[in-house]
Amino acid sequence: MSSAYESRRQEAVTAVLEGGRLPSEVARDHGIASKTLLKWIRESHQSRSSRRSKLEQEIEALEMKLSGLRQEISKLQTFNA
């Protein structure tokens, strides 16, 4: 898909999700079918959920690593005391 298409798509989705406008109004203003815009909104939600899930997994892995590093620091402090 072209970047112009993606830009237009994102603009329309943002107008609904963040601008609080009605999908039918945004679709009419952009010259697209309401069903198309609703499909784009659903896809946007799925994409955001997927990204959120990946970020949550990464945060969990980093928290585990941090916990291990804290334990290692504690052991080193005990050893050097």
C-alpha atoms as a PDB file:
ATOM      1  CA  MET A   1       0.000   0.000   0.000  1.00  0.00           C
ATOM      2  CA  SER A   2       1.179   3.485  -0.772  1.00  0.00           C
ATOM      3  CA  SER A   3       2.181   5.875   1.954  1.00  0.00           C
ATOM      4  CA  ALA A   4      -0.521   8.294   0.754  1.00  0.00           C
ATOM      5  CA  TYR A   5      -3.111   5.553   1.275  1.00  0.00           C
ATOM      6  CA  GLU A   6      -1.756   4.752   4.733  1.00  0.00           C
ATOM      7  CA  SER A   7      -1.699   8.430   5.636  1.00  0.00           C
ATOM      8  CA  ARG A   8      -5.313   8.870   4.528  1.00  0.00           C
ATOM      9  CA  ARG A   9      -6.319   5.716   6.381  1.00  0.00           C
ATOM     10  CA  GLN A  10      -4.593   6.777   9.592  1.00  0.00           C
ATOM     11  CA  GLU A  11      -6.083  10.272   9.380  1.00  0.00           C
ATOM     12  CA  ALA A  12      -9.596   8.849   9.110  1.00  0.00           C
ATOM     13  CA  VAL A  13      -9.124   6.347  11.940  1.00  0.00           C
ATOM     14  CA  THR A  14      -7.595   9.010  14.186  1.00  0.00           C
ATOM     15  CA  ALA A  15     -10.491  11.375  13.486  1.00  0.00           C
ATOM     16  CA  VAL A  16     -12.844   8.757  14.929  1.00  0.00           C
ATOM     17  CA  LEU A  17     -10.752   7.297  17.747  1.00  0.00           C
ATOM     18  CA  GLU A  18      -9.097  10.447  19.026  1.00  0.00           C
ATOM     19  CA  GLY A  19     -11.223  13.200  17.522  1.00  0.00           C
ATOM     20  CA  GLY A  20     -14.509  11.791  18.719  1.00  0.00           C
ATOM     21  CA  ARG A  21     -16.151  12.153  15.329  1.00  0.00           C
ATOM     22  CA  LEU A  22     -18.790   9.778  14.029  1.00  0.00           C
ATOM     23  CA  PRO A  23     -17.523   7.119  11.614  1.00  0.00           C
ATOM     24  CA  SER A  24     -20.276   7.955   9.106  1.00  0.00           C
ATOM     25  CA  GLU A  25     -19.284  11.629   9.137  1.00  0.00           C
ATOM     26  CA  VAL A  26     -15.570  10.881   8.706  1.00  0.00           C
ATOM     27  CA  ALA A  27     -16.278   8.356   5.958  1.00  0.00           C
ATOM     28  CA  ARG A  28     -18.373  10.891   4.076  1.00  0.00           C
ATOM     29  CA  ASP A  29     -15.688  13.593   4.470  1.00  0.00           C
ATOM     30  CA  HIS A  30     -13.013  11.215   3.151  1.00  0.00           C
ATOM     31  CA  GLY A  31     -15.139   9.818   0.343  1.00  0.00           C
ATOM     32  CA  ILE A  32     -15.018   6.232   1.600  1.00  0.00           C
ATOM     33  CA  ALA A  33     -17.655   3.719   2.589  1.00  0.00           C
ATOM     34  CA  SER A  34     -18.569   3.587   6.289  1.00  0.00           C
ATOM     35  CA  LYS A  35     -17.958  -0.171   6.244  1.00  0.00           C
ATOM     36  CA  THR A  36     -14.424   0.443   5.005  1.00  0.00           C
ATOM     37  CA  LEU A  37     -13.723   2.911   7.795  1.00  0.00           C
ATOM     38  CA  LEU A  38     -15.173   0.552  10.403  1.00  0.00           C
ATOM     39  CA  LYS A  39     -12.930  -2.208   9.053  1.00  0.00           C
ATOM     40  CA  TRP A  40      -9.907   0.109   9.353  1.00  0.00           C
ATOM     41  CA  ILE A  41     -10.882   0.940  12.935  1.00  0.00           C
ATOM     42  CA  ARG A  42     -11.154  -2.774  13.829  1.00  0.00           C
ATOM     43  CA  GLU A  43      -7.765  -3.436  12.248  1.00  0.00           C
ATOM     44  CA  SER A  44      -6.291  -0.518  14.167  1.00  0.00           C
ATOM     45  CA  HIS A  45      -7.605  -1.937  17.456  1.00  0.00           C
ATOM     46  CA  GLN A  46      -6.161  -5.360  16.632  1.00  0.00           C
ATOM     47  CA  SER A  47      -2.810  -3.859  15.717  1.00  0.00           C
ATOM     48  CA  ARG A  48      -2.691  -1.809  18.914  1.00  0.00           C
ATOM     49  CA  SER A  49      -3.624  -4.871  20.983  1.00  0.00           C
ATOM     50  CA  SER A  50      -0.874  -6.879  19.332  1.00  0.00           C
ATOM     51  CA  ARG A  51       1.700  -4.146  19.973  1.00  0.00           C
ATOM     52  CA  ARG A  52       0.518  -3.796  23.570  1.00  0.00           C
ATOM     53  CA  SER A  53       0.851  -7.543  24.105  1.00  0.00           C
ATOM     54  CA  LYS A  54       4.391  -7.528  22.718  1.00  0.00           C
ATOM     55  CA  LEU A  55       5.317  -4.577  24.932  1.00  0.00           C
ATOM     56  CA  GLU A  56       3.855  -6.300  27.990  1.00  0.00           C
ATOM     57  CA  GLN A  57       5.940  -9.394  27.243  1.00  0.00           C
ATOM     58  CA  GLU A  58       9.051  -7.280  26.841  1.00  0.00           C
ATOM     59  CA  ILE A  59       8.354  -5.462  30.120  1.00  0.00           C
ATOM     60  CA  GLU A  60       7.916  -8.782  31.905  1.00  0.00           C
ATOM     61  CA  ALA A  61      11.229 -10.071  30.534  1.00  0.00           C
ATOM     62  CA  LEU A  62      12.995  -6.844  31.550  1.00  0.00           C
ATOM     63  CA  GLU A  63      11.499  -7.009  35.044  1.00  0.00           C
ATOM     64  CA  MET A  64      12.797 -10.561  35.425  1.00  0.00           C
ATOM     65  CA  LYS A  65      16.230  -9.482  34.242  1.00  0.00           C
ATOM     66  CA  LEU A  66      16.179  -6.538  36.660  1.00  0.00           C
ATOM     67  CA  SER A  67      15.248  -8.838  39.514  1.00  0.00           C
ATOM     68  CA  GLY A  68      18.168 -11.119  38.667  1.00  0.00           C
ATOM     69  CA  LEU A  69      20.549  -8.164  38.503  1.00  0.00           C
ATOM     70  CA  ARG A  70      19.352  -6.909  41.887  1.00  0.00           C
ATOM     71  CA  GLN A  71      20.006 -10.326  43.387  1.00  0.00           C
ATOM     72  CA  GLU A  72      23.473 -10.337  41.844  1.00  0.00           C
ATOM     73  CA  ILE A  73      24.203  -6.864  43.246  1.00  0.00           C
ATOM     74  CA  SER A  74      23.027  -7.993  46.664  1.00  0.00           C
ATOM     75  CA  LYS A  75      25.343 -11.018  46.546  1.00  0.00           C
ATOM     76  CA  LEU A  76      28.282  -8.853  45.465  1.00  0.00           C
ATOM     77  CA  GLN A  77      27.598  -6.358  48.251  1.00  0.00           C
ATOM     78  CA  THR A  78      27.504  -9.194  50.786  1.00  0.00           C
ATOM     79  CA  PHE A  79      30.710 -10.670  49.371  1.00  0.00           C
ATOM     80  CA  ASN A  80      32.531  -7.304  49.488  1.00  0.00           C
ATOM     81  CA  ALA A  81      31.339  -6.443  53.011  1.00  0.00           C
END
